[in-house]
Amino acid sequence: MFDNLSDKLDKAFHILKGHGKITEVNVADTLKEVRRALLDADVNFKIAKDFTSRVKDKAIGQDVLTTLQPGQLMVKLVKDELTELMGGDVAGVNLSGNPSVILMSGLQGSGKTTFSGKLANFLKTKKGKKPLLVACDIYRPAAINQLHVVGDQIGVEVYSEPENKNAVSIAENAIKHAKANGYNVVIVDTAGRLAVDEEMMTEIANVHKAIQPQETLFVVDSMTGQDAVNTAKAFNDRLNFDGVVLTKLDGDTRGGAAISIKSVVDKPIKFIGTGEKMEAIDVFYPARMAERILGMGDVVSLVERAQEQYDEEEARKLQKKIAKNEFGFDDFLTQIQQVKKMGNMKDLVGMIPGAGKALKDVEIEDDAFKHIEAIIHSMTPAERTKPALLDAKRKTRIAKGSGTDIQQVNQLLKQFDQMSKMMKMMQGAGGKNLMRMMGGMKGMRP
């Protein structure tokens, strides 16, 4: 996420760090490189120029030239300014209606239908809501089918009228259905449209007027860069939407849309999509994103994700097993599954301060644990419970069954033994926290 921008900003700050004496000239050189990095990330020229001007004014005003750590202070000023540029405070979604109606808008291919499902899943699992998805794409039958597939996947009902070619009446009927059946959130997925398509723009404006949604979200593919910002402005002129959703932020995006869009349309980014899974949705925190862009990590989000997967009862059972030296491979497999639920591995590593930079050239795949899982699944129940049973003959069988080699099996056993000992030592310090367990998993990829 924003790897190129992060690298270029890091190089810009090295201009200050590399000088024994700090002058207005090398401060200006640093900010010139910052501006260039923003432009390379597809940020609008005027926004980038104004950004660096504000940072320079604050830098001179705070005596950056005479401070003992000018490089660090400059990073802080850039972080604060980036936070403001992306919206400052976190913006929540308005769920005040009964039911609350959320209208999704955006270009074709921006990821509206998938994100509608992610949002429904988010509101259901994390907010305790009972959402209803509504298929209002009357032009593409595949879109209706896609939404039904998504709904089945997350256990949310989808309202559709395949024979009805009037998006307004479908949306109105869906809200009546929601009221009659106890749904408290209605998410209306509309057809993708071009801002220059007057007929399509009029249609979504009519839907908006008819259902009076509490929340209108504009979904934009972050990989389209500055074009996304320009499109957002055209949509906002017609719909006056309430917030922006950035999808595909896990891709090789330059980041221009995330940084520029708030200043252009004066509407907050509310959510981001960070992967293909239904759980890959995050509330957008400008300060946390600024820290990640500057390579500071995002420990708060990492801890929050860990806490979501933390089960106190399971942790208590696990603690007893560790105390009795009964921690086995089945328990280890459960911990791996919990870590995987937290998100894709590259995203998680990016949340650890300094780790993203240290591992920037290392490919971290989503299936990073696949060899470990294959080895464990090739063990018998008895072997998983009592690893001491694994002699040379059994190891050879497990290696063949898992498609690995004997060295990989031995490496896993050695690391598992080390981890078990470490967890035993942590018992006295109350080491039942998932985050501590993650520390023991570091590097466990045969």
Protein backbone atom coordinates (compact mmCIF):
# COMPACT_ATOMS: atom_id res chain seq x y z
CA MET A 1 0.00 0.00 0.00
CA PHE A 2 1.63 3.26 -1.20
CA ASP A 3 5.07 1.56 -1.37
CA ASN A 4 6.47 3.86 -4.08
CA LEU A 5 5.30 7.01 -2.34
CA SER A 6 6.72 5.81 0.98
CA ASP A 7 10.12 5.10 -0.61
CA LYS A 8 10.31 8.49 -2.29
CA LEU A 9 9.31 10.39 0.84
CA ASP A 10 11.92 8.46 2.81
CA LYS A 11 14.58 9.51 0.29
CA ALA A 12 13.39 13.11 0.53
CA PHE A 13 13.91 13.15 4.31
CA HIS A 14 17.44 11.76 3.85
CA ILE A 15 18.41 15.13 2.41
CA LEU A 16 18.01 16.60 5.90
CA LYS A 17 19.45 13.62 7.74
CA GLY A 18 22.57 13.68 5.60
CA HIS A 19 23.59 17.23 6.53
CA GLY A 20 25.47 18.17 9.67
CA LYS A 21 24.17 21.71 9.34
CA ILE A 22 20.55 22.41 8.44
CA THR A 23 19.77 25.41 6.28
CA GLU A 24 16.75 26.92 4.58
CA VAL A 25 18.27 25.68 1.34
CA ASN A 26 18.27 21.96 2.22
CA VAL A 27 14.86 22.29 3.90
CA ALA A 28 13.64 23.69 0.57
CA ASP A 29 15.41 20.82 -1.25
CA THR A 30 13.67 18.30 1.00
CA LEU A 31 10.26 19.81 0.33
CA LYS A 32 11.00 19.94 -3.38
CA GLU A 33 11.53 16.16 -3.28
CA VAL A 34 8.38 15.74 -1.19
CA ARG A 35 6.42 17.64 -3.84
CA ARG A 36 7.96 15.51 -6.58
CA ALA A 37 7.03 12.34 -4.67
CA LEU A 38 3.42 13.53 -4.38
CA LEU A 39 3.27 14.38 -8.09
CA ASP A 40 4.66 10.92 -8.95
CA ALA A 41 1.88 9.48 -6.79
CA ASP A 42 -0.60 11.25 -9.10
CA VAL A 43 -1.53 14.01 -6.66
CA ASN A 44 -2.84 17.17 -8.33
CA PHE A 45 -0.06 19.75 -8.91
CA LYS A 46 -1.82 22.58 -7.08
CA ILE A 47 -2.58 20.35 -4.09
CA ALA A 48 1.05 19.16 -3.93
CA LYS A 49 2.38 22.74 -4.23
CA ASP A 50 0.03 24.10 -1.54
CA PHE A 51 0.90 21.13 0.68
CA THR A 52 4.64 21.77 0.61
CA SER A 53 4.13 25.53 1.05
CA ARG A 54 2.15 24.94 4.25
CA VAL A 55 4.78 22.51 5.56
CA LYS A 56 7.54 25.03 4.80
CA ASP A 57 5.70 27.82 6.62
CA LYS A 58 5.23 25.60 9.67
CA ALA A 59 8.82 24.36 9.51
CA ILE A 60 10.26 27.89 9.55
CA GLY A 61 7.78 28.89 12.26
CA GLN A 62 8.84 25.98 14.50
CA ASP A 63 12.59 26.61 14.17
CA VAL A 64 13.33 23.39 12.31
CA LEU A 65 16.71 24.90 11.45
CA THR A 66 17.85 25.06 15.08
CA THR A 67 16.30 21.88 16.50
CA LEU A 68 18.55 18.95 17.42
CA GLN A 69 16.53 16.54 15.26
CA PRO A 70 15.33 18.51 12.24
CA GLY A 71 14.68 15.38 10.17
CA GLN A 72 12.28 13.96 12.75
CA LEU A 73 10.46 17.25 13.18
CA MET A 74 10.06 17.56 9.41
CA VAL A 75 8.58 14.05 9.24
CA LYS A 76 6.11 15.01 11.98
CA LEU A 77 5.08 18.18 10.12
CA VAL A 78 4.55 16.23 6.89
CA LYS A 79 2.57 13.57 8.79
CA ASP A 80 0.31 16.20 10.39
CA GLU A 81 -0.26 17.93 7.06
CA LEU A 82 -0.97 14.62 5.28
CA THR A 83 -3.51 13.78 7.98
CA GLU A 84 -5.31 17.09 7.43
CA LEU A 85 -5.17 16.71 3.67
CA MET A 86 -6.88 13.29 3.90
CA GLY A 87 -9.63 14.56 6.21
CA GLY A 88 -8.20 15.04 9.69
CA ASP A 89 -10.68 13.13 11.85
CA VAL A 90 -12.28 9.76 11.13
CA ALA A 91 -15.77 10.06 9.61
CA GLY A 92 -18.40 7.55 10.66
CA VAL A 93 -21.31 6.24 8.59
CA ASN A 94 -24.78 7.68 9.33
CA LEU A 95 -27.08 4.92 10.59
CA SER A 96 -29.80 7.14 12.03
CA GLY A 97 -32.77 6.03 9.90
CA ASN A 98 -35.25 3.22 10.52
CA PRO A 99 -34.22 1.58 8.34
CA SER A 100 -30.98 3.40 7.54
CA VAL A 101 -30.67 3.64 3.76
CA ILE A 102 -27.23 3.66 2.12
CA LEU A 103 -27.02 4.39 -1.62
CA MET A 104 -23.92 3.18 -3.49
CA SER A 105 -22.75 5.11 -6.55
CA GLY A 106 -19.71 5.01 -8.82
CA LEU A 107 -18.21 4.15 -12.16
CA GLN A 108 -18.47 0.81 -13.94
CA GLY A 109 -15.87 -1.59 -12.56
CA SER A 110 -15.14 0.44 -9.43
CA GLY A 111 -16.08 -2.47 -7.16
CA LYS A 112 -19.50 -1.25 -5.95
CA THR A 113 -21.20 -4.65 -5.83
CA THR A 114 -18.35 -6.35 -3.97
CA PHE A 115 -18.03 -3.43 -1.57
CA SER A 116 -21.78 -3.43 -0.93
CA GLY A 117 -21.34 -7.00 0.32
CA LYS A 118 -18.32 -6.05 2.42
CA LEU A 119 -20.23 -3.17 3.99
CA ALA A 120 -23.23 -5.42 4.75
CA ASN A 121 -20.89 -7.96 6.35
CA PHE A 122 -19.13 -5.20 8.35
CA LEU A 123 -22.42 -3.79 9.67
CA LYS A 124 -23.72 -7.28 10.48
CA THR A 125 -20.66 -8.65 12.27
CA LYS A 126 -19.22 -5.52 13.89
CA LYS A 127 -22.23 -3.27 14.43
CA GLY A 128 -24.89 -5.90 15.14
CA LYS A 129 -27.14 -4.69 12.33
CA LYS A 130 -29.56 -6.66 10.16
CA PRO A 131 -28.78 -5.45 6.62
CA LEU A 132 -30.68 -5.97 3.37
CA LEU A 133 -28.84 -5.77 0.04
CA VAL A 134 -30.79 -4.37 -2.92
CA ALA A 135 -29.95 -5.13 -6.57
CA CYS A 136 -30.75 -1.98 -8.55
CA ASP A 137 -28.52 -2.63 -11.57
CA ILE A 138 -31.27 -3.09 -14.17
CA TYR A 139 -28.85 -3.19 -17.12
CA ARG A 140 -26.59 -6.11 -16.24
CA PRO A 141 -28.23 -9.42 -15.16
CA ALA A 142 -24.80 -10.67 -14.06
CA ALA A 143 -24.70 -7.87 -11.48
CA ILE A 144 -27.90 -9.15 -9.86
CA ASN A 145 -26.50 -12.69 -9.81
CA GLN A 146 -23.21 -11.42 -8.41
CA LEU A 147 -24.97 -9.65 -5.55
CA HIS A 148 -26.96 -12.82 -4.75
CA VAL A 149 -23.71 -14.81 -4.65
CA VAL A 150 -22.18 -12.23 -2.31
CA GLY A 151 -25.30 -12.23 -0.13
CA ASP A 152 -25.24 -16.04 0.18
CA GLN A 153 -21.57 -15.89 1.09
CA ILE A 154 -22.13 -13.55 4.06
CA GLY A 155 -25.61 -14.72 5.05
CA VAL A 156 -27.45 -11.52 4.07
CA GLU A 157 -30.71 -11.41 2.10
CA VAL A 158 -30.68 -9.79 -1.34
CA TYR A 159 -33.81 -8.06 -2.65
CA SER A 160 -34.16 -8.07 -6.43
CA GLU A 161 -36.83 -7.78 -9.13
CA PRO A 162 -35.16 -9.17 -12.29
CA GLU A 163 -38.14 -8.37 -14.51
CA ASN A 164 -38.54 -4.79 -13.26
CA LYS A 165 -36.62 -2.22 -15.34
CA ASN A 166 -37.35 0.75 -13.08
CA ALA A 167 -34.54 1.32 -10.55
CA VAL A 168 -36.61 3.83 -8.55
CA SER A 169 -39.50 1.44 -7.93
CA ILE A 170 -37.13 -1.44 -7.06
CA ALA A 171 -35.44 0.72 -4.42
CA GLU A 172 -38.78 1.93 -3.02
CA ASN A 173 -40.17 -1.63 -2.88
CA ALA A 174 -37.01 -2.84 -1.17
CA ILE A 175 -37.39 -0.26 1.61
CA LYS A 176 -41.02 -1.36 2.13
CA HIS A 177 -39.79 -4.98 2.30
CA ALA A 178 -37.13 -3.98 4.85
CA LYS A 179 -39.66 -2.22 7.09
CA ALA A 180 -42.05 -5.19 6.94
CA ASN A 181 -39.35 -7.73 7.78
CA GLY A 182 -37.28 -6.03 10.47
CA TYR A 183 -34.22 -4.99 8.47
CA ASN A 184 -32.56 -1.91 9.99
CA VAL A 185 -30.07 -1.14 7.19
CA VAL A 186 -30.77 -1.11 3.44
CA ILE A 187 -27.78 -1.01 1.08
CA VAL A 188 -28.80 -0.11 -2.48
CA ASP A 189 -26.33 -1.27 -5.14
CA THR A 190 -26.82 0.73 -8.35
CA ALA A 191 -25.55 0.30 -11.90
CA GLY A 192 -22.10 1.64 -12.75
CA ARG A 193 -22.27 4.74 -14.87
CA LEU A 194 -20.08 7.34 -16.57
CA ALA A 195 -20.25 10.93 -15.37
CA VAL A 196 -20.77 12.01 -19.00
CA ASP A 197 -23.79 9.71 -19.43
CA GLU A 198 -26.62 12.15 -18.78
CA GLU A 199 -29.39 9.55 -18.86
CA MET A 200 -27.68 7.30 -16.33
CA MET A 201 -26.76 10.22 -14.08
CA THR A 202 -30.38 11.37 -14.13
CA GLU A 203 -31.51 7.88 -13.15
CA ILE A 204 -29.34 7.71 -10.01
CA ALA A 205 -30.33 11.27 -9.13
CA ASN A 206 -33.99 10.13 -9.33
CA VAL A 207 -33.28 7.11 -7.11
CA HIS A 208 -31.54 9.40 -4.64
CA LYS A 209 -34.48 11.83 -4.61
CA ALA A 210 -37.06 9.05 -4.21
CA ILE A 211 -35.50 7.12 -1.32
CA GLN A 212 -33.77 10.02 0.51
CA PRO A 213 -30.84 7.92 1.80
CA GLN A 214 -29.18 8.74 5.11
CA GLU A 215 -25.87 8.00 3.45
CA THR A 216 -24.75 8.24 -0.19
CA LEU A 217 -21.32 6.74 -0.83
CA PHE A 218 -19.20 7.21 -3.94
CA VAL A 219 -17.12 4.09 -4.65
CA VAL A 220 -13.90 4.68 -6.54
CA ASP A 221 -11.09 2.41 -7.74
CA SER A 222 -7.98 3.92 -6.12
CA MET A 223 -5.77 2.61 -8.94
CA THR A 224 -7.31 5.12 -11.37
CA GLY A 225 -5.45 7.93 -9.60
CA GLN A 226 -6.22 11.52 -10.52
CA ASP A 227 -8.99 10.46 -12.92
CA ALA A 228 -10.84 9.09 -9.90
CA VAL A 229 -10.68 12.50 -8.25
CA ASN A 230 -12.07 14.26 -11.32
CA THR A 231 -14.90 11.71 -11.59
CA ALA A 232 -15.72 12.14 -7.91
CA LYS A 233 -16.18 15.85 -8.49
CA ALA A 234 -18.60 15.22 -11.38
CA PHE A 235 -20.66 12.78 -9.30
CA ASN A 236 -20.66 15.08 -6.29
CA ASP A 237 -22.02 17.94 -8.38
CA ARG A 238 -25.07 15.77 -9.17
CA LEU A 239 -25.56 13.74 -6.00
CA ASN A 240 -23.88 15.75 -3.25
CA PHE A 241 -22.73 12.44 -1.76
CA ASP A 242 -21.75 12.06 1.89
CA GLY A 243 -18.51 10.16 1.65
CA VAL A 244 -16.00 8.27 -0.47
CA VAL A 245 -15.03 4.59 -0.52
CA LEU A 246 -11.60 3.72 -1.94
CA THR A 247 -11.38 0.15 -3.27
CA LYS A 248 -8.36 -1.91 -4.36
CA LEU A 249 -5.94 -0.15 -2.01
CA ASP A 250 -4.09 -3.45 -1.72
CA GLY A 251 -3.03 -3.14 -5.36
CA ASP A 252 -0.03 -1.30 -6.78
CA THR A 253 -1.70 2.06 -6.27
CA ARG A 254 0.15 5.37 -6.37
CA GLY A 255 -2.04 6.87 -3.69
CA GLY A 256 -3.06 10.08 -5.46
CA ALA A 257 -6.78 9.46 -5.02
CA ALA A 258 -6.53 8.90 -1.26
CA ILE A 259 -4.44 12.02 -0.77
CA SER A 260 -6.27 14.39 -3.14
CA ILE A 261 -9.94 13.47 -3.08
CA LYS A 262 -10.88 15.16 0.22
CA SER A 263 -9.50 18.52 -0.91
CA VAL A 264 -11.28 18.39 -4.27
CA VAL A 265 -14.79 17.35 -3.21
CA ASP A 266 -14.62 18.31 0.49
CA LYS A 267 -16.15 14.96 1.44
CA PRO A 268 -14.45 12.46 3.77
CA ILE A 269 -13.09 9.06 2.85
CA LYS A 270 -15.18 6.74 5.03
CA PHE A 271 -14.04 3.24 4.10
CA ILE A 272 -11.25 1.50 2.22
CA GLY A 273 -11.19 -1.92 0.57
CA THR A 274 -7.94 -3.80 1.17
CA GLY A 275 -8.43 -7.15 -0.55
CA GLU A 276 -10.86 -9.56 -2.19
CA LYS A 277 -12.22 -11.24 0.95
CA MET A 278 -15.50 -10.04 2.46
CA GLU A 279 -13.62 -9.10 5.64
CA ALA A 280 -11.20 -6.86 3.71
CA ILE A 281 -12.80 -3.56 4.67
CA ASP A 282 -11.46 -0.90 7.04
CA VAL A 283 -12.80 2.34 8.41
CA PHE A 284 -10.54 5.08 7.04
CA TYR A 285 -8.38 6.79 9.68
CA PRO A 286 -6.45 9.71 8.09
CA ALA A 287 -3.81 9.85 10.86
CA ARG A 288 -3.14 6.10 10.68
CA MET A 289 -2.88 6.21 6.89
CA ALA A 290 -0.44 9.14 7.06
CA GLU A 291 1.73 7.15 9.46
CA ARG A 292 1.71 4.15 7.14
CA ILE A 293 2.63 6.28 4.14
CA LEU A 294 5.61 7.61 6.12
CA GLY A 295 6.72 4.12 7.16
CA MET A 296 5.67 4.50 10.80
CA GLY A 297 3.38 1.47 10.74
CA ASP A 298 -0.09 1.30 12.27
CA VAL A 299 0.11 -0.52 15.57
CA VAL A 300 -3.36 0.61 16.71
CA SER A 301 -5.08 -1.04 13.73
CA LEU A 302 -2.95 -4.16 14.17
CA VAL A 303 -3.99 -4.49 17.82
CA GLU A 304 -7.64 -3.84 16.93
CA ARG A 305 -7.58 -6.63 14.37
CA ALA A 306 -5.96 -8.99 16.87
CA GLN A 307 -8.59 -8.14 19.49
CA GLU A 308 -11.38 -8.91 17.01
CA GLN A 309 -10.04 -12.46 16.73
CA TYR A 310 -9.29 -12.82 20.44
CA ASP A 311 -11.58 -15.27 22.20
CA GLU A 312 -11.18 -15.10 25.98
CA GLU A 313 -12.60 -18.57 26.61
CA GLU A 314 -10.35 -20.16 23.97
CA ALA A 315 -7.37 -18.26 25.38
CA ARG A 316 -8.12 -19.63 28.86
CA LYS A 317 -8.24 -23.21 27.51
CA LEU A 318 -5.01 -22.61 25.62
CA GLN A 319 -3.32 -21.25 28.73
CA LYS A 320 -4.19 -24.42 30.63
CA LYS A 321 -2.76 -26.57 27.83
CA ILE A 322 0.47 -24.58 27.81
CA ALA A 323 0.77 -24.91 31.60
CA LYS A 324 0.40 -28.70 31.29
CA ASN A 325 2.78 -28.96 28.29
CA GLU A 326 -0.18 -30.09 26.16
CA PHE A 327 0.08 -27.41 23.44
CA GLY A 328 -0.07 -29.34 20.16
CA PHE A 329 -0.18 -28.77 16.43
CA ASP A 330 -3.99 -28.57 16.37
CA ASP A 331 -3.76 -25.62 18.76
CA PHE A 332 -1.04 -24.09 16.62
CA LEU A 333 -3.21 -24.51 13.51
CA THR A 334 -6.04 -22.66 15.30
CA GLN A 335 -3.66 -19.75 16.03
CA ILE A 336 -2.63 -19.62 12.36
CA GLN A 337 -6.29 -19.43 11.31
CA GLN A 338 -6.82 -16.50 13.70
CA VAL A 339 -3.85 -14.63 12.26
CA LYS A 340 -5.10 -15.26 8.70
CA LYS A 341 -8.50 -13.80 9.60
CA MET A 342 -6.80 -10.54 10.53
CA GLY A 343 -6.11 -9.76 6.86
CA ASN A 344 -3.58 -10.34 4.10
CA MET A 345 -0.03 -10.84 5.35
CA LYS A 346 1.55 -7.95 3.45
CA ASP A 347 -0.99 -5.56 4.92
CA LEU A 348 -0.33 -6.85 8.44
CA VAL A 349 3.44 -6.53 8.04
CA GLY A 350 2.94 -2.94 6.83
CA MET A 351 1.31 -2.14 10.18
CA ILE A 352 4.46 -3.03 12.11
CA PRO A 353 6.73 0.06 12.44
CA GLY A 354 9.82 -0.36 10.27
CA ALA A 355 8.84 -3.82 9.01
CA GLY A 356 7.40 -2.56 5.71
CA LYS A 357 10.67 -0.84 4.85
CA ALA A 358 12.84 -3.74 6.03
CA LEU A 359 10.84 -6.26 3.98
CA LYS A 360 9.98 -4.10 0.98
CA ASP A 361 11.74 -6.44 -1.49
CA VAL A 362 10.36 -9.60 0.12
CA GLU A 363 7.24 -11.09 -1.44
CA ILE A 364 4.78 -11.90 1.33
CA GLU A 365 2.03 -14.02 -0.13
CA ASP A 366 -1.45 -14.45 1.32
CA ASP A 367 -0.75 -18.18 1.48
CA ALA A 368 2.44 -17.67 3.52
CA PHE A 369 1.40 -20.44 5.93
CA LYS A 370 0.42 -23.00 3.30
CA HIS A 371 3.51 -25.22 3.80
CA ILE A 372 3.02 -25.25 7.58
CA GLU A 373 -0.66 -26.10 7.18
CA ALA A 374 0.14 -28.86 4.66
CA ILE A 375 2.69 -30.43 7.02
CA ILE A 376 0.30 -30.35 9.99
CA HIS A 377 -2.59 -31.74 7.93
CA SER A 378 -0.33 -34.65 6.90
CA MET A 379 0.11 -35.68 10.56
CA THR A 380 -2.12 -38.18 12.32
CA PRO A 381 -4.29 -36.92 15.22
CA ALA A 382 -1.91 -38.61 17.65
CA GLU A 383 1.15 -36.93 16.09
CA ARG A 384 -0.49 -33.51 16.28
CA THR A 385 -1.27 -34.03 19.96
CA LYS A 386 2.15 -35.49 20.83
CA PRO A 387 4.91 -34.11 18.54
CA ALA A 388 7.44 -36.29 20.42
CA LEU A 389 6.09 -39.27 18.42
CA LEU A 390 7.62 -37.91 15.23
CA ASP A 391 10.59 -40.14 14.45
CA ALA A 392 12.53 -40.25 11.15
CA LYS A 393 10.09 -42.67 9.48
CA ARG A 394 7.05 -40.56 10.37
CA LYS A 395 8.78 -37.36 9.25
CA THR A 396 9.53 -38.90 5.86
CA ARG A 397 5.88 -39.92 5.45
CA ILE A 398 4.69 -36.42 6.44
CA ALA A 399 7.10 -34.75 4.00
CA LYS A 400 5.80 -36.88 1.13
CA GLY A 401 2.19 -36.33 2.11
CA SER A 402 2.56 -32.57 2.34
CA GLY A 403 4.63 -32.04 -0.80
CA THR A 404 7.55 -30.71 1.24
CA ASP A 405 10.95 -32.17 2.16
CA ILE A 406 12.40 -33.56 5.38
CA GLN A 407 14.34 -30.33 6.05
CA GLN A 408 11.13 -28.27 6.03
CA VAL A 409 9.46 -30.71 8.41
CA ASN A 410 12.46 -30.59 10.76
CA GLN A 411 12.54 -26.80 10.59
CA LEU A 412 8.87 -26.56 11.55
CA LEU A 413 9.35 -28.99 14.45
CA LYS A 414 12.34 -27.01 15.72
CA GLN A 415 10.48 -23.69 15.51
CA PHE A 416 7.38 -25.22 17.09
CA ASP A 417 9.49 -26.50 19.99
CA GLN A 418 11.07 -23.06 20.48
CA MET A 419 7.68 -21.40 20.39
CA SER A 420 6.22 -23.86 22.90
CA LYS A 421 9.09 -23.15 25.31
CA MET A 422 8.68 -19.39 24.87
CA MET A 423 4.93 -19.60 25.53
CA LYS A 424 5.60 -21.68 28.64
CA MET A 425 8.00 -18.98 29.89
CA MET A 426 5.41 -16.28 29.24
CA GLN A 427 2.84 -18.00 31.44
CA GLY A 428 4.08 -16.24 34.56
CA ALA A 429 3.63 -12.88 32.86
CA GLY A 430 0.07 -13.65 31.79
CA GLY A 431 1.10 -14.39 28.24
CA LYS A 432 -2.23 -15.35 26.76
CA ASN A 433 -2.47 -12.40 24.41
CA LEU A 434 -2.72 -13.25 20.72
CA MET A 435 -0.27 -10.48 19.86
CA ARG A 436 2.44 -12.16 21.93
CA MET A 437 1.71 -15.43 20.24
CA MET A 438 2.15 -13.73 16.90
CA GLY A 439 5.66 -12.83 17.98
CA GLY A 440 6.40 -16.54 18.26
CA MET A 441 5.12 -17.14 14.75
CA LYS A 442 7.45 -14.62 13.15
CA GLY A 443 9.46 -16.22 10.39
CA MET A 444 7.68 -19.57 10.57
CA ARG A 445 7.52 -20.20 6.85
CA PRO A 446 9.37 -23.36 5.84
